PDB file of N, CA and C in Angstrom:
ATOM      1  N   UNK A   1      82.677 117.406 100.616  1.00  0.00           N
ATOM      2  CA  UNK A   1      82.316 118.797 100.431  1.00  0.00           C
ATOM      3  C   UNK A   1      81.070 118.929  99.555  1.00  0.00           C
ATOM      4  N   UNK A   2      80.678 117.839  98.903  1.00  0.00           N
ATOM      5  CA  UNK A   2      79.484 117.851  98.060  1.00  0.00           C
ATOM      6  C   UNK A   2      78.245 118.220  98.864  1.00  0.00           C
ATOM      7  N   UNK A   3      78.193 117.806 100.136  1.00  0.00           N
ATOM      8  CA  UNK A   3      77.033 118.140 100.976  1.00  0.00           C
ATOM      9  C   UNK A   3      76.949 119.647 101.222  1.00  0.00           C
ATOM     10  N   UNK A   4      78.084 120.315 101.275  1.00  0.00           N
ATOM     11  CA  UNK A   4      78.095 121.771 101.450  1.00  0.00           C
ATOM     12  C   UNK A   4      77.421 122.432 100.251  1.00  0.00           C
ATOM     13  N   UNK A   5      77.775 122.003  99.062  1.00  0.00           N
ATOM     14  CA  UNK A   5      77.174 122.565  97.845  1.00  0.00           C
ATOM     15  C   UNK A   5      75.682 122.266  97.819  1.00  0.00           C
ATOM     16  N   UNK A   6      75.303 121.057  98.193  1.00  0.00           N
ATOM     17  CA  UNK A   6      73.876 120.708  98.226  1.00  0.00           C
ATOM     18  C   UNK A   6      73.123 121.606  99.200  1.00  0.00           C
ATOM     19  N   UNK A   7      73.739 121.899 100.350  1.00  0.00           N
ATOM     20  CA  UNK A   7      73.112 122.801 101.321  1.00  0.00           C
ATOM     21  C   UNK A   7      72.924 124.197 100.734  1.00  0.00           C
ATOM     22  N   UNK A   8      73.953 124.711 100.075  1.00  0.00           N
ATOM     23  CA  UNK A   8      73.845 126.041  99.470  1.00  0.00           C
ATOM     24  C   UNK A   8      72.855 126.050  98.307  1.00  0.00           C
ATOM     25  N   UNK A   9      72.801 124.962  97.552  1.00  0.00           N
ATOM     26  CA  UNK A   9      71.821 124.875  96.464  1.00  0.00           C
ATOM     27  C   UNK A   9      70.401 124.876  97.020  1.00  0.00           C
ATOM     28  N   UNK A  10      70.193 124.146  98.116  1.00  0.00           N
ATOM     29  CA  UNK A  10      68.870 124.119  98.742  1.00  0.00           C
ATOM     30  C   UNK A  10      68.506 125.510  99.262  1.00  0.00           C
ATOM     31  N   UNK A  11      69.455 126.160  99.920  1.00  0.00           N
ATOM     32  CA  UNK A  11      69.232 127.510 100.433  1.00  0.00           C
ATOM     33  C   UNK A  11      68.928 128.476  99.283  1.00  0.00           C
ATOM     34  N   UNK A  12      69.649 128.335  98.190  1.00  0.00           N
ATOM     35  CA  UNK A  12      69.408 129.166  97.017  1.00  0.00           C
ATOM     36  C   UNK A  12      68.008 128.928  96.453  1.00  0.00           C
ATOM     37  N   UNK A  13      67.567 127.695  96.478  1.00  0.00           N
ATOM     38  CA  UNK A  13      66.216 127.367  96.020  1.00  0.00           C
ATOM     39  C   UNK A  13      65.165 128.061  96.887  1.00  0.00           C
ATOM     40  N   UNK A  14      65.393 128.059  98.189  1.00  0.00           N
ATOM     41  CA  UNK A  14      64.453 128.716  99.106  1.00  0.00           C
ATOM     42  C   UNK A  14      64.421 130.220  98.850  1.00  0.00           C
ATOM     43  N   UNK A  15      65.601 130.837  98.710  1.00  0.00           N
ATOM     44  CA  UNK A  15      65.615 132.289  98.502  1.00  0.00           C
ATOM     45  C   UNK A  15      65.003 132.662  97.151  1.00  0.00           C
ATOM     46  N   UNK A  16      65.124 131.788  96.165  1.00  0.00           N
ATOM     47  CA  UNK A  16      64.459 132.036  94.872  1.00  0.00           C
ATOM     48  C   UNK A  16      62.945 132.042  95.049  1.00  0.00           C
ATOM     49  N   UNK A  17      62.447 131.078  95.820  1.00  0.00           N
ATOM     50  CA  UNK A  17      61.013 131.021  96.094  1.00  0.00           C
ATOM     51  C   UNK A  17      60.566 132.247  96.892  1.00  0.00           C
ATOM     52  N   UNK A  18      61.416 132.695  97.815  1.00  0.00           N
ATOM     53  CA  UNK A  18      61.103 133.890  98.600  1.00  0.00           C
ATOM     54  C   UNK A  18      61.016 135.115  97.693  1.00  0.00           C
ATOM     55  N   UNK A  19      61.934 135.217  96.742  1.00  0.00           N
ATOM     56  CA  UNK A  19      61.933 136.341  95.798  1.00  0.00           C
ATOM     57  C   UNK A  19      60.641 136.354  94.990  1.00  0.00           C
ATOM     58  N   UNK A  20      60.219 135.192  94.521  1.00  0.00           N
ATOM     59  CA  UNK A  20      58.974 135.101  93.749  1.00  0.00           C
ATOM     60  C   UNK A  20      57.782 135.506  94.619  1.00  0.00           C
ATOM     61  N   UNK A  21      57.747 135.006  95.856  1.00  0.00           N
ATOM     62  CA  UNK A  21      56.645 135.349  96.765  1.00  0.00           C
ATOM     63  C   UNK A  21      56.606 136.855  97.017  1.00  0.00           C
ATOM     64  N   UNK A  22      57.769 137.463  97.248  1.00  0.00           N
ATOM     65  CA  UNK A  22      57.818 138.911  97.492  1.00  0.00           C
ATOM     66  C   UNK A  22      57.391 139.685  96.251  1.00  0.00           C
ATOM     67  N   UNK A  23      57.815 139.233  95.090  1.00  0.00           N
ATOM     68  CA  UNK A  23      57.459 139.894  93.834  1.00  0.00           C
ATOM     69  C   UNK A  23      55.949 139.905  93.617  1.00  0.00           C
ATOM     70  N   UNK A  24      55.282 138.829  94.037  1.00  0.00           N
ATOM     71  CA  UNK A  24      53.835 138.707  93.845  1.00  0.00           C
ATOM     72  C   UNK A  24      53.030 139.144  95.072  1.00  0.00           C
ATOM     73  N   UNK A  25      53.713 139.693  96.075  1.00  0.00           N
ATOM     74  CA  UNK A  25      53.008 140.166  97.267  1.00  0.00           C
ATOM     75  C   UNK A  25      52.381 139.051  98.081  1.00  0.00           C
ATOM     76  N   UNK A  26      52.958 137.866  98.012  1.00  0.00           N
ATOM     77  CA  UNK A  26      52.461 136.712  98.766  1.00  0.00           C
ATOM     78  C   UNK A  26      53.171 136.686 100.131  1.00  0.00           C
ATOM     79  N   UNK A  27      52.727 137.575 101.014  1.00  0.00           N
ATOM     80  CA  UNK A  27      53.444 137.812 102.267  1.00  0.00           C
ATOM     81  C   UNK A  27      53.404 136.606 103.189  1.00  0.00           C
ATOM     82  N   UNK A  28      52.285 135.900 103.262  1.00  0.00           N
ATOM     83  CA  UNK A  28      52.213 134.721 104.132  1.00  0.00           C
ATOM     84  C   UNK A  28      53.172 133.638 103.650  1.00  0.00           C
ATOM     85  N   UNK A  29      53.214 133.439 102.349  1.00  0.00           N
ATOM     86  CA  UNK A  29      54.142 132.457 101.769  1.00  0.00           C
ATOM     87  C   UNK A  29      55.579 132.882 102.049  1.00  0.00           C
ATOM     88  N   UNK A  30      55.856 134.164 101.927  1.00  0.00           N
ATOM     89  CA  UNK A  30      57.195 134.677 102.197  1.00  0.00           C
ATOM     90  C   UNK A  30      57.608 134.385 103.636  1.00  0.00           C
ATOM     91  N   UNK A  31      56.696 134.579 104.568  1.00  0.00           N
ATOM     92  CA  UNK A  31      56.996 134.313 105.983  1.00  0.00           C
ATOM     93  C   UNK A  31      57.290 132.830 106.196  1.00  0.00           C
ATOM     94  N   UNK A  32      56.492 131.956 105.581  1.00  0.00           N
ATOM     95  CA  UNK A  32      56.730 130.509 105.700  1.00  0.00           C
ATOM     96  C   UNK A  32      58.116 130.144 105.180  1.00  0.00           C
ATOM     97  N   UNK A  33      58.457 130.679 104.021  1.00  0.00           N
ATOM     98  CA  UNK A  33      59.754 130.386 103.420  1.00  0.00           C
ATOM     99  C   UNK A  33      60.898 130.961 104.242  1.00  0.00           C
ATOM    100  N   UNK A  34      60.690 132.126 104.828  1.00  0.00           N
ATOM    101  CA  UNK A  34      61.734 132.734 105.668  1.00  0.00           C
ATOM    102  C   UNK A  34      62.017 131.850 106.871  1.00  0.00           C
ATOM    103  N   UNK A  35      60.973 131.276 107.447  1.00  0.00           N
ATOM    104  CA  UNK A  35      61.161 130.358 108.579  1.00  0.00           C
ATOM    105  C   UNK A  35      61.937 129.120 108.148  1.00  0.00           C
ATOM    106  N   UNK A  36      61.578 128.580 106.974  1.00  0.00           N
ATOM    107  CA  UNK A  36      62.288 127.411 106.450  1.00  0.00           C
ATOM    108  C   UNK A  36      63.753 127.749 106.188  1.00  0.00           C
ATOM    109  N   UNK A  37      63.995 128.924 105.645  1.00  0.00           N
ATOM    110  CA  UNK A  37      65.355 129.383 105.375  1.00  0.00           C
ATOM    111  C   UNK A  37      66.156 129.484 106.675  1.00  0.00           C
ATOM    112  N   UNK A  38      65.556 130.067 107.696  1.00  0.00           N
ATOM    113  CA  UNK A  38      66.231 130.206 108.993  1.00  0.00           C
ATOM    114  C   UNK A  38      66.565 128.849 109.592  1.00  0.00           C
ATOM    115  N   UNK A  39      65.611 127.910 109.503  1.00  0.00           N
ATOM    116  CA  UNK A  39      65.869 126.555 110.028  1.00  0.00           C
ATOM    117  C   UNK A  39      67.039 125.913 109.293  1.00  0.00           C
ATOM    118  N   UNK A  40      67.066 126.066 107.984  1.00  0.00           N
ATOM    119  CA  UNK A  40      68.141 125.453 107.203  1.00  0.00           C
ATOM    120  C   UNK A  40      69.490 126.103 107.520  1.00  0.00           C
ATOM    121  N   UNK A  41      69.499 127.396 107.707  1.00  0.00           N
ATOM    122  CA  UNK A  41      70.747 128.079 108.068  1.00  0.00           C
ATOM    123  C   UNK A  41      71.258 127.565 109.408  1.00  0.00           C
ATOM    124  N   UNK A  42      70.362 127.361 110.364  1.00  0.00           N
ATOM    125  CA  UNK A  42      70.775 126.823 111.669  1.00  0.00           C
ATOM    126  C   UNK A  42      71.390 125.435 111.515  1.00  0.00           C
ATOM    127  N   UNK A  43      70.804 124.612 110.662  1.00  0.00           N
ATOM    128  CA  UNK A  43      71.361 123.279 110.409  1.00  0.00           C
ATOM    129  C   UNK A  43      72.747 123.408 109.790  1.00  0.00           C
ATOM    130  N   UNK A  44      72.886 124.307 108.835  1.00  0.00           N
ATOM    131  CA  UNK A  44      74.174 124.497 108.169  1.00  0.00           C
ATOM    132  C   UNK A  44      75.247 124.965 109.144  1.00  0.00           C
ATOM    133  N   UNK A  45      74.859 125.759 110.139  1.00  0.00           N
ATOM    134  CA  UNK A  45      75.823 126.254 111.123  1.00  0.00           C
ATOM    135  C   UNK A  45      76.425 125.125 111.942  1.00  0.00           C
ATOM    136  N   UNK A  46      75.670 124.055 112.145  1.00  0.00           N
ATOM    137  CA  UNK A  46      76.153 122.952 112.978  1.00  0.00           C
ATOM    138  C   UNK A  46      77.081 122.014 112.225  1.00  0.00           C
ATOM    139  N   UNK A  47      77.113 122.130 110.927  1.00  0.00           N
ATOM    140  CA  UNK A  47      77.937 121.244 110.117  1.00  0.00           C
ATOM    141  C   UNK A  47      79.302 121.856 109.882  1.00  0.00           C
ATOM    142  N   UNK A  48      80.288 121.000 109.698  1.00  0.00           N
ATOM    143  CA  UNK A  48      81.629 121.481 109.399  1.00  0.00           C
ATOM    144  C   UNK A  48      81.635 122.020 107.975  1.00  0.00           C
ATOM    145  N   UNK A  49      81.808 123.310 107.850  1.00  0.00           N
ATOM    146  CA  UNK A  49      81.747 123.941 106.538  1.00  0.00           C
ATOM    147  C   UNK A  49      83.090 124.601 106.212  1.00  0.00           C
ATOM    148  N   UNK A  50      84.161 123.912 106.492  1.00  0.00           N
ATOM    149  CA  UNK A  50      85.479 124.469 106.236  1.00  0.00           C
ATOM    150  C   UNK A  50      85.722 124.730 104.763  1.00  0.00           C
ATOM    151  N   UNK A  51      86.820 125.374 104.478  1.00  0.00           N
ATOM    152  CA  UNK A  51      87.170 125.715 103.103  1.00  0.00           C
ATOM    153  C   UNK A  51      87.588 124.448 102.369  1.00  0.00           C
ATOM    154  N   UNK A  52      87.025 124.269 101.209  1.00  0.00           N
ATOM    155  CA  UNK A  52      87.330 123.099 100.392  1.00  0.00           C
ATOM    156  C   UNK A  52      88.639 123.313  99.647  1.00  0.00           C
ATOM    157  N   UNK A  53      89.465 122.269  99.593  1.00  0.00           N
ATOM    158  CA  UNK A  53      90.681 122.397  98.784  1.00  0.00           C
ATOM    159  C   UNK A  53      90.358 122.373  97.285  1.00  0.00           C
ATOM    160  N   UNK A  54      89.133 121.986  96.949  1.00  0.00           N
ATOM    161  CA  UNK A  54      88.702 121.889  95.562  1.00  0.00           C
ATOM    162  C   UNK A  54      88.271 123.269  95.059  1.00  0.00           C
ATOM    163  N   UNK A  55      88.972 123.780  94.072  1.00  0.00           N
ATOM    164  CA  UNK A  55      88.696 125.116  93.535  1.00  0.00           C
ATOM    165  C   UNK A  55      87.303 125.177  92.917  1.00  0.00           C
ATOM    166  N   UNK A  56      86.904 124.130  92.207  1.00  0.00           N
ATOM    167  CA  UNK A  56      85.577 124.113  91.588  1.00  0.00           C
ATOM    168  C   UNK A  56      84.475 124.223  92.636  1.00  0.00           C
ATOM    169  N   UNK A  57      84.665 123.547  93.757  1.00  0.00           N
ATOM    170  CA  UNK A  57      83.682 123.612  94.842  1.00  0.00           C
ATOM    171  C   UNK A  57      83.630 125.016  95.420  1.00  0.00           C
ATOM    172  N   UNK A  58      84.791 125.623  95.623  1.00  0.00           N
ATOM    173  CA  UNK A  58      84.839 126.990  96.139  1.00  0.00           C
ATOM    174  C   UNK A  58      84.135 127.956  95.187  1.00  0.00           C
ATOM    175  N   UNK A  59      84.380 127.814  93.900  1.00  0.00           N
ATOM    176  CA  UNK A  59      83.758 128.699  92.908  1.00  0.00           C
ATOM    177  C   UNK A  59      82.241 128.520  92.879  1.00  0.00           C
ATOM    178  N   UNK A  60      81.781 127.275  92.956  1.00  0.00           N
ATOM    179  CA  UNK A  60      80.338 127.018  92.960  1.00  0.00           C
ATOM    180  C   UNK A  60      79.697 127.604  94.212  1.00  0.00           C
ATOM    181  N   UNK A  61      80.372 127.444  95.349  1.00  0.00           N
ATOM    182  CA  UNK A  61      79.859 127.997  96.607  1.00  0.00           C
ATOM    183  C   UNK A  61      79.750 129.518  96.499  1.00  0.00           C
ATOM    184  N   UNK A  62      80.766 130.166  95.948  1.00  0.00           N
ATOM    185  CA  UNK A  62      80.740 131.621  95.791  1.00  0.00           C
ATOM    186  C   UNK A  62      79.612 132.047  94.853  1.00  0.00           C
ATOM    187  N   UNK A  63      79.411 131.292  93.785  1.00  0.00           N
ATOM    188  CA  UNK A  63      78.336 131.587  92.831  1.00  0.00           C
ATOM    189  C   UNK A  63      76.970 131.507  93.523  1.00  0.00           C
ATOM    190  N   UNK A  64      76.780 130.477  94.332  1.00  0.00           N
ATOM    191  CA  UNK A  64      75.513 130.312  95.048  1.00  0.00           C
ATOM    192  C   UNK A  64      75.305 131.422  96.076  1.00  0.00           C
ATOM    193  N   UNK A  65      76.368 131.789  96.777  1.00  0.00           N
ATOM    194  CA  UNK A  65      76.256 132.866  97.767  1.00  0.00           C
ATOM    195  C   UNK A  65      75.886 134.180  97.077  1.00  0.00           C
ATOM    196  N   UNK A  66      76.488 134.461  95.933  1.00  0.00           N
ATOM    197  CA  UNK A  66      76.135 135.682  95.184  1.00  0.00           C
ATOM    198  C   UNK A  66      74.660 135.675  94.781  1.00  0.00           C
ATOM    199  N   UNK A  67      74.165 134.519  94.343  1.00  0.00           N
ATOM    200  CA  UNK A  67      72.769 134.413  93.947  1.00  0.00           C
ATOM    201  C   UNK A  67      71.851 134.607  95.148  1.00  0.00           C
ATOM    202  N   UNK A  68      72.210 134.008  96.273  1.00  0.00           N
ATOM    203  CA  UNK A  68      71.417 134.154  97.502  1.00  0.00           C
ATOM    204  C   UNK A  68      71.361 135.624  97.905  1.00  0.00           C
ATOM    205  N   UNK A  69      72.492 136.310  97.842  1.00  0.00           N
ATOM    206  CA  UNK A  69      72.532 137.734  98.198  1.00  0.00           C
ATOM    207  C   UNK A  69      71.737 138.588  97.211  1.00  0.00           C
ATOM    208  N   UNK A  70      71.775 138.237  95.933  1.00  0.00           N
ATOM    209  CA  UNK A  70      70.987 138.975  94.934  1.00  0.00           C
ATOM    210  C   UNK A  70      69.493 138.771  95.188  1.00  0.00           C
ATOM    211  N   UNK A  71      69.104 137.532  95.509  1.00  0.00           N
ATOM    212  CA  UNK A  71      67.701 137.265  95.854  1.00  0.00           C
ATOM    213  C   UNK A  71      67.293 138.080  97.075  1.00  0.00           C
ATOM    214  N   UNK A  72      68.171 138.113  98.072  1.00  0.00           N
ATOM    215  CA  UNK A  72      67.877 138.853  99.296  1.00  0.00           C
ATOM    216  C   UNK A  72      67.677 140.342  98.998  1.00  0.00           C
ATOM    217  N   UNK A  73      68.518 140.899  98.147  1.00  0.00           N
ATOM    218  CA  UNK A  73      68.381 142.320  97.791  1.00  0.00           C
ATOM    219  C   UNK A  73      67.051 142.574  97.089  1.00  0.00           C
ATOM    220  N   UNK A  74      66.668 141.677  96.194  1.00  0.00           N
ATOM    221  CA  UNK A  74      65.386 141.841  95.486  1.00  0.00           C
ATOM    222  C   UNK A  74      64.214 141.699  96.451  1.00  0.00           C
ATOM    223  N   UNK A  75      64.317 140.776  97.385  1.00  0.00           N
ATOM    224  CA  UNK A  75      63.258 140.603  98.393  1.00  0.00           C
ATOM    225  C   UNK A  75      63.097 141.901  99.179  1.00  0.00           C
ATOM    226  N   UNK A  76      64.215 142.485  99.607  1.00  0.00           N
ATOM    227  CA  UNK A  76      64.156 143.750 100.349  1.00  0.00           C
ATOM    228  C   UNK A  76      63.559 144.870  99.506  1.00  0.00           C
ATOM    229  N   UNK A  77      63.834 144.879  98.212  1.00  0.00           N
ATOM    230  CA  UNK A  77      63.240 145.893  97.326  1.00  0.00           C
ATOM    231  C   UNK A  77      61.720 145.829  97.352  1.00  0.00           C
ATOM    232  N   UNK A  78      61.178 144.649  97.558  1.00  0.00           N
ATOM    233  CA  UNK A  78      59.722 144.482  97.591  1.00  0.00           C
ATOM    234  C   UNK A  78      59.149 144.640  98.997  1.00  0.00           C
ATOM    235  N   UNK A  79      59.896 144.227 100.008  1.00  0.00           N
ATOM    236  CA  UNK A  79      59.340 144.255 101.365  1.00  0.00           C
ATOM    237  C   UNK A  79      59.507 145.600 102.060  1.00  0.00           C
ATOM    238  N   UNK A  80      60.570 146.327 101.776  1.00  0.00           N
ATOM    239  CA  UNK A  80      60.794 147.591 102.480  1.00  0.00           C
ATOM    240  C   UNK A  80      59.687 148.612 102.234  1.00  0.00           C
ATOM    241  N   UNK A  81      59.220 148.810 100.990  1.00  0.00           N
ATOM    242  CA  UNK A  81      58.099 149.746 100.802  1.00  0.00           C
ATOM    243  C   UNK A  81      56.833 149.271 101.523  1.00  0.00           C
ATOM    244  N   UNK A  82      56.595 147.974 101.487  1.00  0.00           N
ATOM    245  CA  UNK A  82      55.425 147.420 102.167  1.00  0.00           C
ATOM    246  C   UNK A  82      55.529 147.646 103.674  1.00  0.00           C
ATOM    247  N   UNK A  83      56.723 147.423 104.233  1.00  0.00           N
ATOM    248  CA  UNK A  83      56.928 147.637 105.669  1.00  0.00           C
ATOM    249  C   UNK A  83      56.768 149.114 106.023  1.00  0.00           C
ATOM    250  N   UNK A  84      57.252 150.014 105.173  1.00  0.00           N
ATOM    251  CA  UNK A  84      57.102 151.454 105.422  1.00  0.00           C
ATOM    252  C   UNK A  84      55.631 151.839 105.404  1.00  0.00           C
ATOM    253  N   UNK A  85      54.875 151.292 104.462  1.00  0.00           N
ATOM    254  CA  UNK A  85      53.440 151.567 104.394  1.00  0.00           C
ATOM    255  C   UNK A  85      52.738 151.036 105.644  1.00  0.00           C
ATOM    256  N   UNK A  86      53.095 149.841 106.051  1.00  0.00           N
ATOM    257  CA  UNK A  86      52.509 149.257 107.258  1.00  0.00           C
ATOM    258  C   UNK A  86      52.829 150.114 108.480  1.00  0.00           C
ATOM    259  N   UNK A  87      54.047 150.610 108.567  1.00  0.00           N
ATOM    260  CA  UNK A  87      54.441 151.467 109.684  1.00  0.00           C
ATOM    261  C   UNK A  87      53.627 152.765 109.686  1.00  0.00           C
ATOM    262  N   UNK A  88      53.408 153.363 108.512  1.00  0.00           N
ATOM    263  CA  UNK A  88      52.593 154.580 108.429  1.00  0.00           C
ATOM    264  C   UNK A  88      51.160 154.306 108.877  1.00  0.00           C
ATOM    265  N   UNK A  89      50.613 153.185 108.459  1.00  0.00           N
ATOM    266  CA  UNK A  89      49.245 152.826 108.851  1.00  0.00           C
ATOM    267  C   UNK A  89      49.160 152.650 110.362  1.00  0.00           C
ATOM    268  N   UNK A  90      50.126 151.952 110.933  1.00  0.00           N
ATOM    269  CA  UNK A  90      50.114 151.726 112.382  1.00  0.00           C
ATOM    270  C   UNK A  90      50.267 153.040 113.134  1.00  0.00           C
ATOM    271  N   UNK A  91      51.131 153.915 112.638  1.00  0.00           N
ATOM    272  CA  UNK A  91      51.337 155.214 113.274  1.00  0.00           C
ATOM    273  C   UNK A  91      50.052 156.034 113.209  1.00  0.00           C
ATOM    274  N   UNK A  92      49.420 156.047 112.044  1.00  0.00           N
ATOM    275  CA  UNK A  92      48.175 156.788 111.856  1.00  0.00           C
ATOM    276  C   UNK A  92      47.074 156.245 112.760  1.00  0.00           C
ATOM    277  N   UNK A  93      46.975 154.936 112.841  1.00  0.00           N
ATOM    278  CA  UNK A  93      45.968 154.304 113.699  1.00  0.00           C
ATOM    279  C   UNK A  93      46.214 154.661 115.157  1.00  0.00           C
ATOM    280  N   UNK A  94      47.474 154.687 115.561  1.00  0.00           N
ATOM    281  CA  UNK A  94      47.807 155.055 116.935  1.00  0.00           C
ATOM    282  C   UNK A  94      47.426 156.492 117.236  1.00  0.00           C
ATOM    283  N   UNK A  95      47.662 157.391 116.281  1.00  0.00           N
ATOM    284  CA  UNK A  95      47.283 158.792 116.476  1.00  0.00           C
ATOM    285  C   UNK A  95      45.769 158.933 116.557  1.00  0.00           C
ATOM    286  N   UNK A  96      45.047 158.232 115.695  1.00  0.00           N
ATOM    287  CA  UNK A  96      43.584 158.285 115.731  1.00  0.00           C
ATOM    288  C   UNK A  96      43.061 157.796 117.077  1.00  0.00           C
ATOM    289  N   UNK A  97      43.636 156.730 117.573  1.00  0.00           N
ATOM    290  CA  UNK A  97      43.202 156.174 118.856  1.00  0.00           C
ATOM    291  C   UNK A  97      43.444 157.178 119.986  1.00  0.00           C
ATOM    292  N   UNK A  98      44.615 157.819 119.966  1.00  0.00           N
ATOM    293  CA  UNK A  98      44.916 158.807 121.011  1.00  0.00           C
ATOM    294  C   UNK A  98      43.957 159.992 120.932  1.00  0.00           C
ATOM    295  N   UNK A  99      43.649 160.444 119.716  1.00  0.00           N
ATOM    296  CA  UNK A  99      42.700 161.548 119.557  1.00  0.00           C
ATOM    297  C   UNK A  99      41.317 161.158 120.063  1.00  0.00           C
ATOM    298  N   UNK A 100      40.880 159.965 119.731  1.00  0.00           N
ATOM    299  CA  UNK A 100      39.570 159.505 120.198  1.00  0.00           C
ATOM    300  C   UNK A 100      39.535 159.427 121.718  1.00  0.00           C
ATOM    301  N   UNK A 101      40.597 158.920 122.307  1.00  0.00           N
ATOM    302  CA  UNK A 101      40.645 158.819 123.765  1.00  0.00           C
ATOM    303  C   UNK A 101      40.646 160.202 124.398  1.00  0.00           C
ATOM    304  N   UNK A 102      41.393 161.126 123.814  1.00  0.00           N
ATOM    305  CA  UNK A 102      41.477 162.480 124.352  1.00  0.00           C
ATOM    306  C   UNK A 102      40.129 163.177 124.285  1.00  0.00           C
ATOM    307  N   UNK A 103      39.506 163.163 123.117  1.00  0.00           N
ATOM    308  CA  UNK A 103      38.255 163.892 122.944  1.00  0.00           C
ATOM    309  C   UNK A 103      37.062 163.175 123.546  1.00  0.00           C
ATOM    310  N   UNK A 104      37.085 161.870 123.616  1.00  0.00           N
ATOM    311  CA  UNK A 104      35.944 161.164 124.217  1.00  0.00           C
ATOM    312  C   UNK A 104      35.958 161.304 125.735  1.00  0.00           C
ATOM    313  N   UNK A 105      37.130 161.516 126.319  1.00  0.00           N
ATOM    314  CA  UNK A 105      37.194 161.676 127.777  1.00  0.00           C
ATOM    315  C   UNK A 105      36.802 163.086 128.208  1.00  0.00           C
ATOM    316  N   UNK A 106      36.820 164.056 127.270  1.00  0.00           N
ATOM    317  CA  UNK A 106      36.455 165.434 127.607  1.00  0.00           C
ATOM    318  C   UNK A 106      34.951 165.640 127.593  1.00  0.00           C
ATOM    319  N   UNK A 107      34.216 164.766 126.937  1.00  0.00           N
ATOM    320  CA  UNK A 107      32.771 164.976 126.792  1.00  0.00           C
ATOM    321  C   UNK A 107      31.999 163.989 127.580  1.00  0.00           C
TER     322      UNK A 107
END
């Protein structure tokens, strides 16, 4: 079961790095880390990750999962406003393009 904890520790390390990247607005780095995180999760899915009879292992796993979820929440706190701003820019650009097409075709 030690490999399970190592997997969660590695995943926690990645999400910590993702949180730092999001905090500093390092979006390209965040995307790279998100891909690495996804790959690692896929690997973890293929492994037997049954419940450990060892209480200490279960507690450590729960602690790591809580940390991963806290990192994820902080990442979303930084990315959601950025995504909303990006969506507004794209919407505005689309409206400008439609207006240009409409008025340029009339003249």
